PDB file of N, CA and C in Angstrom:
ATOM      1  N   MET A   1      52.638 174.699 179.292  1.00  0.00           N
ATOM      2  CA  MET A   1      53.719 174.582 180.258  1.00  0.00           C
ATOM      3  C   MET A   1      53.304 173.680 181.425  1.00  0.00           C
ATOM      4  N   ASN A   2      52.053 173.813 181.878  1.00  0.00           N
ATOM      5  CA  ASN A   2      51.572 173.007 182.984  1.00  0.00           C
ATOM      6  C   ASN A   2      51.636 171.515 182.666  1.00  0.00           C
ATOM      7  N   THR A   3      51.237 171.146 181.445  1.00  0.00           N
ATOM      8  CA  THR A   3      51.288 169.743 181.029  1.00  0.00           C
ATOM      9  C   THR A   3      52.727 169.231 181.035  1.00  0.00           C
ATOM     10  N   PHE A   4      53.654 170.049 180.560  1.00  0.00           N
ATOM     11  CA  PHE A   4      55.064 169.664 180.559  1.00  0.00           C
ATOM     12  C   PHE A   4      55.518 169.292 181.975  1.00  0.00           C
ATOM     13  N   TRP A   5      55.266 170.173 182.956  1.00  0.00           N
ATOM     14  CA  TRP A   5      55.741 169.912 184.319  1.00  0.00           C
ATOM     15  C   TRP A   5      54.992 168.756 184.972  1.00  0.00           C
ATOM     16  N   ASN A   6      53.687 168.649 184.742  1.00  0.00           N
ATOM     17  CA  ASN A   6      52.954 167.505 185.292  1.00  0.00           C
ATOM     18  C   ASN A   6      53.534 166.199 184.765  1.00  0.00           C
ATOM     19  N   ASP A   7      53.752 166.135 183.455  1.00  0.00           N
ATOM     20  CA  ASP A   7      54.314 164.920 182.861  1.00  0.00           C
ATOM     21  C   ASP A   7      55.709 164.638 183.395  1.00  0.00           C
ATOM     22  N   ARG A   8      56.510 165.668 183.518  1.00  0.00           N
ATOM     23  CA  ARG A   8      57.886 165.477 183.983  1.00  0.00           C
ATOM     24  C   ARG A   8      57.924 164.949 185.420  1.00  0.00           C
ATOM     25  N   PHE A   9      57.141 165.569 186.316  1.00  0.00           N
ATOM     26  CA  PHE A   9      57.131 165.100 187.698  1.00  0.00           C
ATOM     27  C   PHE A   9      56.504 163.721 187.816  1.00  0.00           C
ATOM     28  N   LEU A  10      55.519 163.424 186.997  1.00  0.00           N
ATOM     29  CA  LEU A  10      54.898 162.102 187.013  1.00  0.00           C
ATOM     30  C   LEU A  10      55.897 161.028 186.590  1.00  0.00           C
ATOM     31  N   GLN A  11      56.686 161.307 185.567  1.00  0.00           N
ATOM     32  CA  GLN A  11      57.652 160.341 185.050  1.00  0.00           C
ATOM     33  C   GLN A  11      58.928 160.251 185.871  1.00  0.00           C
ATOM     34  N   GLU A  12      59.415 161.404 186.369  1.00  0.00           N
ATOM     35  CA  GLU A  12      60.724 161.433 187.010  1.00  0.00           C
ATOM     36  C   GLU A  12      60.690 161.643 188.520  1.00  0.00           C
ATOM     37  N   GLY A  13      59.533 161.955 189.077  1.00  0.00           N
ATOM     38  CA  GLY A  13      59.445 162.165 190.517  1.00  0.00           C
ATOM     39  C   GLY A  13      60.238 163.378 190.969  1.00  0.00           C
ATOM     40  N   LYS A  14      61.058 163.179 191.964  1.00  0.00           N
ATOM     41  CA  LYS A  14      61.849 164.276 192.538  1.00  0.00           C
ATOM     42  C   LYS A  14      63.085 164.526 191.665  1.00  0.00           C
ATOM     43  N   ILE A  15      62.879 165.291 190.647  1.00  0.00           N
ATOM     44  CA  ILE A  15      63.853 165.528 189.579  1.00  0.00           C
ATOM     45  C   ILE A  15      65.218 165.961 190.101  1.00  0.00           C
ATOM     46  N   TRP A  16      65.225 166.857 191.069  1.00  0.00           N
ATOM     47  CA  TRP A  16      66.486 167.416 191.572  1.00  0.00           C
ATOM     48  C   TRP A  16      66.883 166.850 192.936  1.00  0.00           C
ATOM     49  N   GLY A  17      66.244 165.762 193.354  1.00  0.00           N
ATOM     50  CA  GLY A  17      66.570 165.166 194.650  1.00  0.00           C
ATOM     51  C   GLY A  17      66.001 165.979 195.802  1.00  0.00           C
ATOM     52  N   ASP A  18      66.499 165.701 197.002  1.00  0.00           N
ATOM     53  CA  ASP A  18      65.999 166.373 198.194  1.00  0.00           C
ATOM     54  C   ASP A  18      66.920 167.467 198.707  1.00  0.00           C
ATOM     55  N   THR A  19      68.108 167.581 198.154  1.00  0.00           N
ATOM     56  CA  THR A  19      69.065 168.590 198.601  1.00  0.00           C
ATOM     57  C   THR A  19      68.611 169.965 198.118  1.00  0.00           C
ATOM     58  N   PRO A  20      68.555 170.957 199.014  1.00  0.00           N
ATOM     59  CA  PRO A  20      68.131 172.289 198.572  1.00  0.00           C
ATOM     60  C   PRO A  20      69.148 172.913 197.625  1.00  0.00           C
ATOM     61  N   SER A  21      68.692 173.869 196.859  1.00  0.00           N
ATOM     62  CA  SER A  21      69.590 174.576 195.945  1.00  0.00           C
ATOM     63  C   SER A  21      70.566 175.440 196.737  1.00  0.00           C
ATOM     64  N   ARG A  22      71.692 175.765 196.113  1.00  0.00           N
ATOM     65  CA  ARG A  22      72.661 176.665 196.759  1.00  0.00           C
ATOM     66  C   ARG A  22      72.041 178.033 196.994  1.00  0.00           C
ATOM     67  N   THR A  23      71.166 178.440 196.092  1.00  0.00           N
ATOM     68  CA  THR A  23      70.493 179.725 196.237  1.00  0.00           C
ATOM     69  C   THR A  23      69.637 179.742 197.500  1.00  0.00           C
ATOM     70  N   ALA A  24      68.932 178.648 197.770  1.00  0.00           N
ATOM     71  CA  ALA A  24      68.100 178.571 198.980  1.00  0.00           C
ATOM     72  C   ALA A  24      68.965 178.668 200.232  1.00  0.00           C
ATOM     73  N   ALA A  25      70.110 178.002 200.232  1.00  0.00           N
ATOM     74  CA  ALA A  25      71.005 178.055 201.390  1.00  0.00           C
ATOM     75  C   ALA A  25      71.508 179.478 201.628  1.00  0.00           C
ATOM     76  N   CYS A  26      71.889 180.168 200.571  1.00  0.00           N
ATOM     77  CA  CYS A  26      72.344 181.563 200.695  1.00  0.00           C
ATOM     78  C   CYS A  26      71.207 182.460 201.170  1.00  0.00           C
ATOM     79  N   ALA A  27      70.019 182.245 200.610  1.00  0.00           N
ATOM     80  CA  ALA A  27      68.862 183.056 200.999  1.00  0.00           C
ATOM     81  C   ALA A  27      68.530 182.834 202.470  1.00  0.00           C
ATOM     82  N   ALA A  28      68.583 181.587 202.934  1.00  0.00           N
ATOM     83  CA  ALA A  28      68.269 181.294 204.334  1.00  0.00           C
ATOM     84  C   ALA A  28      69.211 182.026 205.272  1.00  0.00           C
ATOM     85  N   ASP A  29      70.487 182.047 204.938  1.00  0.00           N
ATOM     86  CA  ASP A  29      71.455 182.781 205.766  1.00  0.00           C
ATOM     87  C   ASP A  29      71.079 184.258 205.835  1.00  0.00           C
ATOM     88  N   ARG A  30      70.745 184.827 204.702  1.00  0.00           N
ATOM     89  CA  ARG A  30      70.361 186.245 204.651  1.00  0.00           C
ATOM     90  C   ARG A  30      69.068 186.483 205.420  1.00  0.00           C
ATOM     91  N   PHE A  31      68.099 185.585 205.254  1.00  0.00           N
ATOM     92  CA  PHE A  31      66.820 185.742 205.937  1.00  0.00           C
ATOM     93  C   PHE A  31      67.002 185.691 207.453  1.00  0.00           C
ATOM     94  N   VAL A  32      67.875 184.824 207.932  1.00  0.00           N
ATOM     95  CA  VAL A  32      68.159 184.749 209.369  1.00  0.00           C
ATOM     96  C   VAL A  32      68.750 186.077 209.841  1.00  0.00           C
ATOM     97  N   ARG A  33      69.738 186.583 209.116  1.00  0.00           N
ATOM     98  CA  ARG A  33      70.364 187.872 209.487  1.00  0.00           C
ATOM     99  C   ARG A  33      69.340 189.004 209.523  1.00  0.00           C
ATOM    100  N   ASP A  34      68.380 188.970 208.587  1.00  0.00           N
ATOM    101  CA  ASP A  34      67.388 190.037 208.489  1.00  0.00           C
ATOM    102  C   ASP A  34      66.135 189.775 209.335  1.00  0.00           C
ATOM    103  N   ARG A  35      66.161 188.694 210.110  1.00  0.00           N
ATOM    104  CA  ARG A  35      65.054 188.323 211.011  1.00  0.00           C
ATOM    105  C   ARG A  35      63.729 188.108 210.277  1.00  0.00           C
ATOM    106  N   VAL A  36      63.811 187.534 209.118  1.00  0.00           N
ATOM    107  CA  VAL A  36      62.619 187.188 208.340  1.00  0.00           C
ATOM    108  C   VAL A  36      61.920 186.018 209.019  1.00  0.00           C
ATOM    109  N   ARG A  37      60.609 186.057 209.038  1.00  0.00           N
ATOM    110  CA  ARG A  37      59.841 184.963 209.650  1.00  0.00           C
ATOM    111  C   ARG A  37      59.126 184.094 208.621  1.00  0.00           C
ATOM    112  N   SER A  38      58.714 184.690 207.503  1.00  0.00           N
ATOM    113  CA  SER A  38      57.909 183.985 206.507  1.00  0.00           C
ATOM    114  C   SER A  38      58.590 184.041 205.149  1.00  0.00           C
ATOM    115  N   VAL A  39      58.526 182.917 204.436  1.00  0.00           N
ATOM    116  CA  VAL A  39      59.151 182.827 203.121  1.00  0.00           C
ATOM    117  C   VAL A  39      58.123 182.311 202.118  1.00  0.00           C
ATOM    118  N   LEU A  40      58.030 182.991 200.994  1.00  0.00           N
ATOM    119  CA  LEU A  40      57.204 182.558 199.876  1.00  0.00           C
ATOM    120  C   LEU A  40      58.124 181.937 198.842  1.00  0.00           C
ATOM    121  N   VAL A  41      57.817 180.705 198.432  1.00  0.00           N
ATOM    122  CA  VAL A  41      58.642 180.011 197.443  1.00  0.00           C
ATOM    123  C   VAL A  41      57.810 179.842 196.167  1.00  0.00           C
ATOM    124  N   PRO A  42      57.962 180.762 195.197  1.00  0.00           N
ATOM    125  CA  PRO A  42      57.247 180.602 193.937  1.00  0.00           C
ATOM    126  C   PRO A  42      57.875 179.485 193.116  1.00  0.00           C
ATOM    127  N   GLY A  43      57.048 178.719 192.430  1.00  0.00           N
ATOM    128  CA  GLY A  43      57.578 177.589 191.669  1.00  0.00           C
ATOM    129  C   GLY A  43      58.184 176.572 192.618  1.00  0.00           C
ATOM    130  N   SER A  44      57.458 176.263 193.687  1.00  0.00           N
ATOM    131  CA  SER A  44      58.006 175.437 194.769  1.00  0.00           C
ATOM    132  C   SER A  44      58.189 173.971 194.402  1.00  0.00           C
ATOM    133  N   GLY A  45      57.652 173.560 193.251  1.00  0.00           N
ATOM    134  CA  GLY A  45      57.846 172.177 192.823  1.00  0.00           C
ATOM    135  C   GLY A  45      57.384 171.192 193.877  1.00  0.00           C
ATOM    136  N   TYR A  46      58.174 170.163 194.104  1.00  0.00           N
ATOM    137  CA  TYR A  46      57.821 169.137 195.086  1.00  0.00           C
ATOM    138  C   TYR A  46      58.312 169.477 196.487  1.00  0.00           C
ATOM    139  N   GLY A  47      58.887 170.672 196.651  1.00  0.00           N
ATOM    140  CA  GLY A  47      59.152 171.175 197.988  1.00  0.00           C
ATOM    141  C   GLY A  47      60.558 171.088 198.527  1.00  0.00           C
ATOM    142  N   ARG A  48      61.550 170.765 197.702  1.00  0.00           N
ATOM    143  CA  ARG A  48      62.889 170.581 198.282  1.00  0.00           C
ATOM    144  C   ARG A  48      63.398 171.846 198.956  1.00  0.00           C
ATOM    145  N   ASN A  49      63.181 173.015 198.381  1.00  0.00           N
ATOM    146  CA  ASN A  49      63.615 174.261 199.018  1.00  0.00           C
ATOM    147  C   ASN A  49      62.655 174.680 200.125  1.00  0.00           C
ATOM    148  N   ALA A  50      61.367 174.453 199.918  1.00  0.00           N
ATOM    149  CA  ALA A  50      60.381 174.788 200.953  1.00  0.00           C
ATOM    150  C   ALA A  50      60.665 174.015 202.239  1.00  0.00           C
ATOM    151  N   VAL A  51      60.979 172.734 202.113  1.00  0.00           N
ATOM    152  CA  VAL A  51      61.302 171.924 203.285  1.00  0.00           C
ATOM    153  C   VAL A  51      62.547 172.468 203.974  1.00  0.00           C
ATOM    154  N   PHE A  52      63.536 172.830 203.204  1.00  0.00           N
ATOM    155  CA  PHE A  52      64.769 173.380 203.770  1.00  0.00           C
ATOM    156  C   PHE A  52      64.468 174.619 204.612  1.00  0.00           C
ATOM    157  N   PHE A  53      63.680 175.557 204.059  1.00  0.00           N
ATOM    158  CA  PHE A  53      63.333 176.761 204.810  1.00  0.00           C
ATOM    159  C   PHE A  53      62.531 176.403 206.063  1.00  0.00           C
ATOM    160  N   HIS A  54      61.617 175.449 205.928  1.00  0.00           N
ATOM    161  CA  HIS A  54      60.804 175.029 207.074  1.00  0.00           C
ATOM    162  C   HIS A  54      61.681 174.455 208.195  1.00  0.00           C
ATOM    163  N   THR A  55      62.668 173.653 207.838  1.00  0.00           N
ATOM    164  CA  THR A  55      63.549 173.075 208.863  1.00  0.00           C
ATOM    165  C   THR A  55      64.426 174.137 209.516  1.00  0.00           C
ATOM    166  N   LYS A  56      64.585 175.275 208.863  1.00  0.00           N
ATOM    167  CA  LYS A  56      65.351 176.397 209.438  1.00  0.00           C
ATOM    168  C   LYS A  56      64.471 177.278 210.330  1.00  0.00           C
ATOM    169  N   GLY A  57      63.183 176.918 210.453  1.00  0.00           N
ATOM    170  CA  GLY A  57      62.295 177.629 211.359  1.00  0.00           C
ATOM    171  C   GLY A  57      61.410 178.685 210.728  1.00  0.00           C
ATOM    172  N   PHE A  58      61.416 178.792 209.413  1.00  0.00           N
ATOM    173  CA  PHE A  58      60.574 179.770 208.741  1.00  0.00           C
ATOM    174  C   PHE A  58      59.164 179.230 208.540  1.00  0.00           C
ATOM    175  N   GLU A  59      58.189 180.131 208.533  1.00  0.00           N
ATOM    176  CA  GLU A  59      56.848 179.791 208.076  1.00  0.00           C
ATOM    177  C   GLU A  59      56.920 179.845 206.553  1.00  0.00           C
ATOM    178  N   VAL A  60      56.523 178.770 205.868  1.00  0.00           N
ATOM    179  CA  VAL A  60      56.751 178.668 204.427  1.00  0.00           C
ATOM    180  C   VAL A  60      55.429 178.510 203.681  1.00  0.00           C
ATOM    181  N   THR A  61      55.313 179.271 202.597  1.00  0.00           N
ATOM    182  CA  THR A  61      54.211 179.138 201.660  1.00  0.00           C
ATOM    183  C   THR A  61      54.806 178.887 200.286  1.00  0.00           C
ATOM    184  N   GLY A  62      54.328 177.852 199.620  1.00  0.00           N
ATOM    185  CA  GLY A  62      54.783 177.537 198.271  1.00  0.00           C
ATOM    186  C   GLY A  62      53.667 177.731 197.263  1.00  0.00           C
ATOM    187  N   ILE A  63      54.033 178.150 196.062  1.00  0.00           N
ATOM    188  CA  ILE A  63      53.082 178.273 194.956  1.00  0.00           C
ATOM    189  C   ILE A  63      53.635 177.426 193.817  1.00  0.00           C
ATOM    190  N   GLU A  64      52.795 176.564 193.269  1.00  0.00           N
ATOM    191  CA  GLU A  64      53.238 175.653 192.211  1.00  0.00           C
ATOM    192  C   GLU A  64      52.095 175.408 191.240  1.00  0.00           C
ATOM    193  N   MET A  65      52.399 175.431 189.939  1.00  0.00           N
ATOM    194  CA  MET A  65      51.362 175.200 188.934  1.00  0.00           C
ATOM    195  C   MET A  65      51.180 173.723 188.585  1.00  0.00           C
ATOM    196  N   SER A  66      52.131 172.881 188.922  1.00  0.00           N
ATOM    197  CA  SER A  66      52.024 171.454 188.614  1.00  0.00           C
ATOM    198  C   SER A  66      51.312 170.710 189.743  1.00  0.00           C
ATOM    199  N   GLY A  67      50.148 170.178 189.422  1.00  0.00           N
ATOM    200  CA  GLY A  67      49.423 169.386 190.409  1.00  0.00           C
ATOM    201  C   GLY A  67      50.202 168.154 190.835  1.00  0.00           C
ATOM    202  N   GLU A  68      50.942 167.571 189.925  1.00  0.00           N
ATOM    203  CA  GLU A  68      51.750 166.387 190.250  1.00  0.00           C
ATOM    204  C   GLU A  68      52.872 166.734 191.227  1.00  0.00           C
ATOM    205  N   ALA A  69      53.524 167.876 191.028  1.00  0.00           N
ATOM    206  CA  ALA A  69      54.564 168.312 191.968  1.00  0.00           C
ATOM    207  C   ALA A  69      53.950 168.561 193.339  1.00  0.00           C
ATOM    208  N   LEU A  70      52.773 169.173 193.369  1.00  0.00           N
ATOM    209  CA  LEU A  70      52.110 169.423 194.651  1.00  0.00           C
ATOM    210  C   LEU A  70      51.745 168.127 195.350  1.00  0.00           C
ATOM    211  N   ARG A  71      51.337 167.136 194.589  1.00  0.00           N
ATOM    212  CA  ARG A  71      51.028 165.833 195.188  1.00  0.00           C
ATOM    213  C   ARG A  71      52.259 165.288 195.899  1.00  0.00           C
ATOM    214  N   LEU A  72      53.410 165.367 195.239  1.00  0.00           N
ATOM    215  CA  LEU A  72      54.664 164.919 195.856  1.00  0.00           C
ATOM    216  C   LEU A  72      55.002 165.757 197.086  1.00  0.00           C
ATOM    217  N   ALA A  73      54.810 167.061 196.975  1.00  0.00           N
ATOM    218  CA  ALA A  73      55.136 167.970 198.078  1.00  0.00           C
ATOM    219  C   ALA A  73      54.280 167.682 199.303  1.00  0.00           C
ATOM    220  N   GLU A  74      53.008 167.509 199.101  1.00  0.00           N
ATOM    221  CA  GLU A  74      52.102 167.326 200.231  1.00  0.00           C
ATOM    222  C   GLU A  74      52.267 165.966 200.897  1.00  0.00           C
ATOM    223  N   GLU A  75      52.819 164.999 200.198  1.00  0.00           N
ATOM    224  CA  GLU A  75      53.099 163.688 200.807  1.00  0.00           C
ATOM    225  C   GLU A  75      54.191 163.795 201.856  1.00  0.00           C
ATOM    226  N   ASP A  76      55.181 164.629 201.598  1.00  0.00           N
ATOM    227  CA  ASP A  76      56.391 164.652 202.421  1.00  0.00           C
ATOM    228  C   ASP A  76      56.569 165.876 203.291  1.00  0.00           C
ATOM    229  N   ASN A  77      55.729 166.886 203.166  1.00  0.00           N
ATOM    230  CA  ASN A  77      56.040 168.170 203.776  1.00  0.00           C
ATOM    231  C   ASN A  77      54.926 168.734 204.653  1.00  0.00           C
ATOM    232  N   PRO A  78      54.624 168.089 205.758  1.00  0.00           N
ATOM    233  CA  PRO A  78      53.607 168.658 206.643  1.00  0.00           C
ATOM    234  C   PRO A  78      54.100 169.985 207.223  1.00  0.00           C
ATOM    235  N   GLY A  79      53.184 170.893 207.481  1.00  0.00           N
ATOM    236  CA  GLY A  79      53.556 172.170 208.071  1.00  0.00           C
ATOM    237  C   GLY A  79      53.879 173.247 207.062  1.00  0.00           C
ATOM    238  N   ILE A  80      53.804 172.921 205.784  1.00  0.00           N
ATOM    239  CA  ILE A  80      54.061 173.893 204.729  1.00  0.00           C
ATOM    240  C   ILE A  80      52.742 174.113 203.986  1.00  0.00           C
ATOM    241  N   THR A  81      52.413 175.366 203.726  1.00  0.00           N
ATOM    242  CA  THR A  81      51.197 175.695 202.998  1.00  0.00           C
ATOM    243  C   THR A  81      51.523 175.797 201.517  1.00  0.00           C
ATOM    244  N   TYR A  82      50.777 175.056 200.701  1.00  0.00           N
ATOM    245  CA  TYR A  82      50.975 175.100 199.250  1.00  0.00           C
ATOM    246  C   TYR A  82      49.721 175.623 198.570  1.00  0.00           C
ATOM    247  N   HIS A  83      49.924 176.401 197.503  1.00  0.00           N
ATOM    248  CA  HIS A  83      48.832 176.899 196.674  1.00  0.00           C
ATOM    249  C   HIS A  83      49.070 176.429 195.247  1.00  0.00           C
ATOM    250  N   HIS A  84      47.994 175.954 194.619  1.00  0.00           N
ATOM    251  CA  HIS A  84      48.079 175.456 193.256  1.00  0.00           C
ATOM    252  C   HIS A  84      47.738 176.579 192.290  1.00  0.00           C
ATOM    253  N   GLY A  85      48.670 176.909 191.393  1.00  0.00           N
ATOM    254  CA  GLY A  85      48.424 177.925 190.383  1.00  0.00           C
ATOM    255  C   GLY A  85      49.715 178.585 189.942  1.00  0.00           C
ATOM    256  N   SER A  86      49.569 179.505 189.029  1.00  0.00           N
ATOM    257  CA  SER A  86      50.712 180.237 188.511  1.00  0.00           C
ATOM    258  C   SER A  86      51.079 181.373 189.453  1.00  0.00           C
ATOM    259  N   VAL A  87      52.346 181.507 189.743  1.00  0.00           N
ATOM    260  CA  VAL A  87      52.794 182.607 190.589  1.00  0.00           C
ATOM    261  C   VAL A  87      52.525 183.944 189.920  1.00  0.00           C
ATOM    262  N   LEU A  88      52.497 183.968 188.603  1.00  0.00           N
ATOM    263  CA  LEU A  88      52.263 185.210 187.873  1.00  0.00           C
ATOM    264  C   LEU A  88      50.813 185.670 187.957  1.00  0.00           C
ATOM    265  N   ALA A  89      49.899 184.746 188.268  1.00  0.00           N
ATOM    266  CA  ALA A  89      48.488 185.096 188.390  1.00  0.00           C
ATOM    267  C   ALA A  89      48.016 185.036 189.841  1.00  0.00           C
ATOM    268  N   CYS A  90      48.926 184.869 190.752  1.00  0.00           N
ATOM    269  CA  CYS A  90      48.598 184.672 192.156  1.00  0.00           C
ATOM    270  C   CYS A  90      47.964 185.910 192.767  1.00  0.00           C
ATOM    271  N   ARG A  91      46.978 185.687 193.605  1.00  0.00           N
ATOM    272  CA  ARG A  91      46.298 186.788 194.304  1.00  0.00           C
ATOM    273  C   ARG A  91      46.408 186.599 195.826  1.00  0.00           C
ATOM    274  N   LEU A  92      47.527 186.105 196.293  1.00  0.00           N
ATOM    275  CA  LEU A  92      47.714 185.903 197.729  1.00  0.00           C
ATOM    276  C   LEU A  92      47.796 187.234 198.453  1.00  0.00           C
ATOM    277  N   THR A  93      47.205 187.289 199.615  1.00  0.00           N
ATOM    278  CA  THR A  93      47.389 188.422 200.505  1.00  0.00           C
ATOM    279  C   THR A  93      47.931 187.856 201.808  1.00  0.00           C
ATOM    280  N   ILE A  94      49.095 188.268 202.150  1.00  0.00           N
ATOM    281  CA  ILE A  94      49.732 187.795 203.372  1.00  0.00           C
ATOM    282  C   ILE A  94      49.996 189.036 204.211  1.00  0.00           C
ATOM    283  N   ALA A  95      49.122 189.289 205.158  1.00  0.00           N
ATOM    284  CA  ALA A  95      49.212 190.524 205.935  1.00  0.00           C
ATOM    285  C   ALA A  95      49.816 190.243 207.305  1.00  0.00           C
ATOM    286  N   GLY A  96      50.451 191.258 207.853  1.00  0.00           N
ATOM    287  CA  GLY A  96      50.947 191.180 209.217  1.00  0.00           C
ATOM    288  C   GLY A  96      52.227 190.394 209.386  1.00  0.00           C
ATOM    289  N   THR A  97      52.945 190.115 208.310  1.00  0.00           N
ATOM    290  CA  THR A  97      54.196 189.379 208.436  1.00  0.00           C
ATOM    291  C   THR A  97      55.272 190.066 207.610  1.00  0.00           C
ATOM    292  N   THR A  98      56.488 189.768 207.942  1.00  0.00           N
ATOM    293  CA  THR A  98      57.601 190.160 207.086  1.00  0.00           C
ATOM    294  C   THR A  98      57.773 189.032 206.102  1.00  0.00           C
ATOM    295  N   LEU A  99      57.713 189.323 204.841  1.00  0.00           N
ATOM    296  CA  LEU A  99      57.723 188.299 203.808  1.00  0.00           C
ATOM    297  C   LEU A  99      58.945 188.454 202.931  1.00  0.00           C
ATOM    298  N   SER A 100      59.639 187.378 202.715  1.00  0.00           N
ATOM    299  CA  SER A 100      60.726 187.378 201.741  1.00  0.00           C
ATOM    300  C   SER A 100      60.418 186.332 200.699  1.00  0.00           C
ATOM    301  N   ILE A 101      60.850 186.599 199.487  1.00  0.00           N
ATOM    302  CA  ILE A 101      60.588 185.684 198.391  1.00  0.00           C
ATOM    303  C   ILE A 101      61.883 184.981 198.018  1.00  0.00           C
ATOM    304  N   ALA A 102      61.819 183.668 197.990  1.00  0.00           N
ATOM    305  CA  ALA A 102      62.956 182.858 197.585  1.00  0.00           C
ATOM    306  C   ALA A 102      62.649 182.266 196.226  1.00  0.00           C
ATOM    307  N   THR A 103      63.407 182.661 195.235  1.00  0.00           N
ATOM    308  CA  THR A 103      63.214 182.133 193.895  1.00  0.00           C
ATOM    309  C   THR A 103      64.565 181.981 193.218  1.00  0.00           C
ATOM    310  N   THR A 104      64.690 180.956 192.433  1.00  0.00           N
ATOM    311  CA  THR A 104      65.963 180.747 191.757  1.00  0.00           C
ATOM    312  C   THR A 104      65.944 181.253 190.334  1.00  0.00           C
ATOM    313  N   SER A 105      64.878 180.967 189.589  1.00  0.00           N
ATOM    314  CA  SER A 105      64.907 181.368 188.185  1.00  0.00           C
ATOM    315  C   SER A 105      63.529 181.579 187.591  1.00  0.00           C
ATOM    316  N   CYS A 106      62.587 182.035 188.377  1.00  0.00           N
ATOM    317  CA  CYS A 106      61.231 182.243 187.841  1.00  0.00           C
ATOM    318  C   CYS A 106      61.236 183.183 186.652  1.00  0.00           C
ATOM    319  N   THR A 107      61.981 184.265 186.729  1.00  0.00           N
ATOM    320  CA  THR A 107      61.943 185.230 185.637  1.00  0.00           C
ATOM    321  C   THR A 107      62.617 184.703 184.384  1.00  0.00           C
ATOM    322  N   SER A 108      63.565 183.804 184.518  1.00  0.00           N
ATOM    323  CA  SER A 108      64.227 183.296 183.321  1.00  0.00           C
ATOM    324  C   SER A 108      63.309 182.385 182.517  1.00  0.00           C
ATOM    325  N   PHE A 109      62.334 181.749 183.165  1.00  0.00           N
ATOM    326  CA  PHE A 109      61.381 180.907 182.445  1.00  0.00           C
ATOM    327  C   PHE A 109      60.284 181.736 181.795  1.00  0.00           C
ATOM    328  N   ALA A 110      60.079 182.941 182.267  1.00  0.00           N
ATOM    329  CA  ALA A 110      58.877 183.685 181.927  1.00  0.00           C
ATOM    330  C   ALA A 110      58.928 184.434 180.606  1.00  0.00           C
ATOM    331  N   GLY A 111      60.095 184.811 180.125  1.00  0.00           N
ATOM    332  CA  GLY A 111      60.152 185.633 178.922  1.00  0.00           C
ATOM    333  C   GLY A 111      59.761 187.070 179.227  1.00  0.00           C
ATOM    334  N   ARG A 112      59.767 187.911 178.223  1.00  0.00           N
ATOM    335  CA  ARG A 112      59.528 189.346 178.424  1.00  0.00           C
ATOM    336  C   ARG A 112      58.145 189.619 179.026  1.00  0.00           C
ATOM    337  N   SER A 113      57.081 189.050 178.467  1.00  0.00           N
ATOM    338  CA  SER A 113      55.737 189.321 178.995  1.00  0.00           C
ATOM    339  C   SER A 113      55.583 188.740 180.393  1.00  0.00           C
ATOM    340  N   GLY A 114      56.201 187.599 180.642  1.00  0.00           N
ATOM    341  CA  GLY A 114      56.143 186.992 181.970  1.00  0.00           C
ATOM    342  C   GLY A 114      56.846 187.830 183.012  1.00  0.00           C
ATOM    343  N   ARG A 115      57.967 188.440 182.644  1.00  0.00           N
ATOM    344  CA  ARG A 115      58.685 189.303 183.591  1.00  0.00           C
ATOM    345  C   ARG A 115      57.818 190.483 184.008  1.00  0.00           C
ATOM    346  N   SER A 116      57.034 191.009 183.076  1.00  0.00           N
ATOM    347  CA  SER A 116      56.117 192.096 183.407  1.00  0.00           C
ATOM    348  C   SER A 116      55.072 191.606 184.412  1.00  0.00           C
ATOM    349  N   SER A 117      54.529 190.417 184.187  1.00  0.00           N
ATOM    350  CA  SER A 117      53.564 189.839 185.124  1.00  0.00           C
ATOM    351  C   SER A 117      54.212 189.588 186.477  1.00  0.00           C
ATOM    352  N   TRP A 118      55.468 189.137 186.459  1.00  0.00           N
ATOM    353  CA  TRP A 118      56.211 188.901 187.702  1.00  0.00           C
ATOM    354  C   TRP A 118      56.352 190.207 188.478  1.00  0.00           C
ATOM    355  N   ARG A 119      56.698 191.293 187.806  1.00  0.00           N
ATOM    356  CA  ARG A 119      56.816 192.602 188.485  1.00  0.00           C
ATOM    357  C   ARG A 119      55.472 193.014 189.078  1.00  0.00           C
ATOM    358  N   ASN A 120      54.380 192.782 188.358  1.00  0.00           N
ATOM    359  CA  ASN A 120      53.050 193.120 188.871  1.00  0.00           C
ATOM    360  C   ASN A 120      52.712 192.295 190.108  1.00  0.00           C
ATOM    361  N   ALA A 121      53.037 190.994 190.076  1.00  0.00           N
ATOM    362  CA  ALA A 121      52.789 190.140 191.246  1.00  0.00           C
ATOM    363  C   ALA A 121      53.614 190.611 192.434  1.00  0.00           C
ATOM    364  N   TRP A 122      54.865 190.949 192.206  1.00  0.00           N
ATOM    365  CA  TRP A 122      55.754 191.439 193.263  1.00  0.00           C
ATOM    366  C   TRP A 122      55.176 192.720 193.877  1.00  0.00           C
ATOM    367  N   THR A 123      54.675 193.626 193.034  1.00  0.00           N
ATOM    368  CA  THR A 123      54.100 194.877 193.515  1.00  0.00           C
ATOM    369  C   THR A 123      52.900 194.604 194.412  1.00  0.00           C
ATOM    370  N   ARG A 124      52.034 193.673 194.019  1.00  0.00           N
ATOM    371  CA  ARG A 124      50.863 193.323 194.840  1.00  0.00           C
ATOM    372  C   ARG A 124      51.310 192.772 196.188  1.00  0.00           C
ATOM    373  N   LEU A 125      52.319 191.921 196.210  1.00  0.00           N
ATOM    374  CA  LEU A 125      52.785 191.338 197.463  1.00  0.00           C
ATOM    375  C   LEU A 125      53.400 192.412 198.363  1.00  0.00           C
ATOM    376  N   ARG A 126      54.175 193.304 197.791  1.00  0.00           N
ATOM    377  CA  ARG A 126      54.799 194.368 198.592  1.00  0.00           C
ATOM    378  C   ARG A 126      53.740 195.241 199.253  1.00  0.00           C
ATOM    379  N   LYS A 127      52.664 195.555 198.544  1.00  0.00           N
ATOM    380  CA  LYS A 127      51.613 196.395 199.107  1.00  0.00           C
ATOM    381  C   LYS A 127      50.892 195.676 200.240  1.00  0.00           C
ATOM    382  N   ALA A 128      50.724 194.374 200.136  1.00  0.00           N
ATOM    383  CA  ALA A 128      49.943 193.624 201.122  1.00  0.00           C
ATOM    384  C   ALA A 128      50.766 193.129 202.294  1.00  0.00           C
ATOM    385  N   GLY A 129      52.055 192.985 202.126  1.00  0.00           N
ATOM    386  CA  GLY A 129      52.826 192.293 203.147  1.00  0.00           C
ATOM    387  C   GLY A 129      53.895 193.046 203.803  1.00  0.00           C
TER     388      GLY A 129
END
């Protein structure tokens, strides 16, 4: 899967453009209402949604398995923290903040075993954050 995304971002660059997803816009509205300060964007790609959250005043952390997507993200997105790796294997500890997760379709890519890993990752984050 990693090779697929690296090749795709290398060949096509910013696949979905710079406009944030509708899901990110809806999530940002909710996060503002709930006074969220920090947002974790799993599968952050080249950062189109991460940048959107950052411009709305959130502290943003992105996790992405494609090194090529991260290269694109880090060129254009100062002030955003990115981690290279699978969100399903992530061992981030983010203490002392209110954390919300913005994701559009991570579980749909993962399949049955991946969804179990996703639930385990979510449980670890809830305990730490």
